[in-house]
Amino acid sequence: MRLARPLLTVALAALTAATAVVPVSPGSAWAATGSLWINDKRHHNPSGCYTIMGPLSATNRTNTAAVIYEGARCNHRILTALGPNQRNTWEFGGSIYID
């Protein structure tokens, strides 16, 4: 029983120290920098999922890739990725995710 208490104390101290090191950043720091044009509408520093059912035209002027999905809410089959400084059109698009 004498060993259990020091081991428990060491384990709790290690767990506390490990959680104290995790950095916490504000949500906006993760947004892409630049503009994402979706069907001629500009989204400045875009972040998240944009649902567009039907014809889709996108121009990515951000620092990160945008993922094009077949269906709504960015949870269907991935069609392609649109890299920085790329543009493309699709006859049928569903949604775009950018982080």
Protein backbone atom coordinates (compact mmCIF):
# COMPACT_ATOMS: atom_id res chain seq x y z
CA MET A 1 0.00 0.00 0.00
CA ARG A 2 2.92 2.33 0.59
CA LEU A 3 3.92 2.17 -3.12
CA ALA A 4 0.42 2.82 -4.44
CA ARG A 5 0.13 6.30 -2.99
CA PRO A 6 3.42 7.69 -4.42
CA LEU A 7 2.70 6.10 -7.83
CA LEU A 8 -0.77 7.65 -7.86
CA THR A 9 0.69 11.05 -6.95
CA VAL A 10 3.30 10.80 -9.71
CA ALA A 11 0.67 9.71 -12.25
CA LEU A 12 -1.64 12.60 -11.36
CA ALA A 13 1.23 15.08 -11.48
CA ALA A 14 2.27 13.81 -14.93
CA LEU A 15 -1.31 14.01 -16.21
CA THR A 16 -1.69 17.56 -14.90
CA ALA A 17 1.60 18.63 -16.48
CA ALA A 18 0.68 17.05 -19.81
CA THR A 19 -2.65 18.83 -20.02
CA ALA A 20 -1.07 22.15 -19.07
CA VAL A 21 1.21 22.00 -22.14
CA VAL A 22 -1.62 21.69 -24.71
CA PRO A 23 -1.85 25.00 -26.59
CA VAL A 24 -5.29 26.55 -27.04
CA SER A 25 -5.79 28.78 -30.05
CA PRO A 26 -8.80 30.88 -30.97
CA GLY A 27 -11.02 29.50 -33.74
CA SER A 28 -10.30 32.29 -36.20
CA ALA A 29 -6.59 31.47 -36.19
CA TRP A 30 -7.37 28.29 -38.10
CA ALA A 31 -9.28 30.00 -40.92
CA ALA A 32 -7.74 30.10 -44.37
CA THR A 33 -6.15 33.41 -45.29
CA GLY A 34 -7.42 35.03 -48.46
CA SER A 35 -10.64 34.73 -50.42
CA LEU A 36 -12.70 31.82 -51.68
CA TRP A 37 -15.06 32.72 -54.51
CA ILE A 38 -18.10 30.42 -54.78
CA ASN A 39 -20.50 31.12 -57.66
CA ASP A 40 -19.26 34.75 -57.85
CA LYS A 41 -19.72 35.33 -54.11
CA ARG A 42 -16.58 36.22 -52.13
CA HIS A 43 -15.87 34.64 -48.74
CA HIS A 44 -13.01 36.46 -46.96
CA ASN A 45 -10.81 34.22 -44.72
CA PRO A 46 -13.22 31.29 -45.19
CA SER A 47 -13.61 28.46 -42.72
CA GLY A 48 -15.95 25.49 -42.59
CA CYS A 49 -18.50 24.02 -44.95
CA TYR A 50 -20.41 25.87 -47.66
CA THR A 51 -23.35 24.03 -49.24
CA ILE A 52 -24.07 24.74 -52.91
CA MET A 53 -26.49 22.37 -54.59
CA GLY A 54 -26.36 22.60 -58.37
CA PRO A 55 -23.83 24.17 -60.73
CA LEU A 56 -20.65 25.18 -58.93
CA SER A 57 -17.89 27.58 -59.87
CA ALA A 58 -15.06 28.14 -57.38
CA THR A 59 -11.87 30.17 -57.34
CA ASN A 60 -9.50 29.54 -54.45
CA ARG A 61 -7.35 32.56 -53.60
CA THR A 62 -6.40 31.29 -50.13
CA ASN A 63 -3.32 29.69 -48.63
CA THR A 64 -4.93 26.23 -48.27
CA ALA A 65 -6.81 23.69 -50.38
CA ALA A 66 -10.60 23.53 -50.52
CA VAL A 67 -12.29 20.11 -50.73
CA ILE A 68 -15.25 19.70 -53.08
CA TYR A 69 -17.95 17.21 -52.01
CA GLU A 70 -20.66 15.55 -54.05
CA GLY A 71 -23.45 16.18 -51.52
CA ALA A 72 -24.56 18.74 -48.97
CA ARG A 73 -22.96 19.43 -45.58
CA CYS A 74 -19.48 18.19 -46.61
CA ASN A 75 -20.20 14.60 -45.62
CA HIS A 76 -20.62 12.79 -48.93
CA ARG A 77 -18.12 11.50 -51.46
CA ILE A 78 -15.16 13.78 -52.18
CA LEU A 79 -15.03 14.88 -55.82
CA THR A 80 -11.70 16.71 -55.81
CA ALA A 81 -9.56 19.30 -54.07
CA LEU A 82 -9.06 22.84 -55.30
CA GLY A 83 -5.58 24.04 -54.39
CA PRO A 84 -4.48 27.59 -53.70
CA ASN A 85 -4.72 29.85 -56.76
CA GLN A 86 -6.82 27.35 -58.70
CA ARG A 87 -10.31 27.61 -60.16
CA ASN A 88 -12.75 25.17 -61.67
CA THR A 89 -16.40 24.60 -62.48
CA TRP A 90 -18.62 21.57 -61.97
CA GLU A 91 -21.99 20.83 -63.51
CA PHE A 92 -23.18 19.42 -60.20
CA GLY A 93 -21.60 20.39 -56.91
CA GLY A 94 -22.74 19.81 -53.40
CA SER A 95 -20.51 21.55 -50.89
CA ILE A 96 -17.04 22.95 -50.28
CA TYR A 97 -14.97 22.58 -47.10
CA ILE A 98 -12.01 24.78 -46.27
CA ASP A 99 -10.15 25.09 -42.98
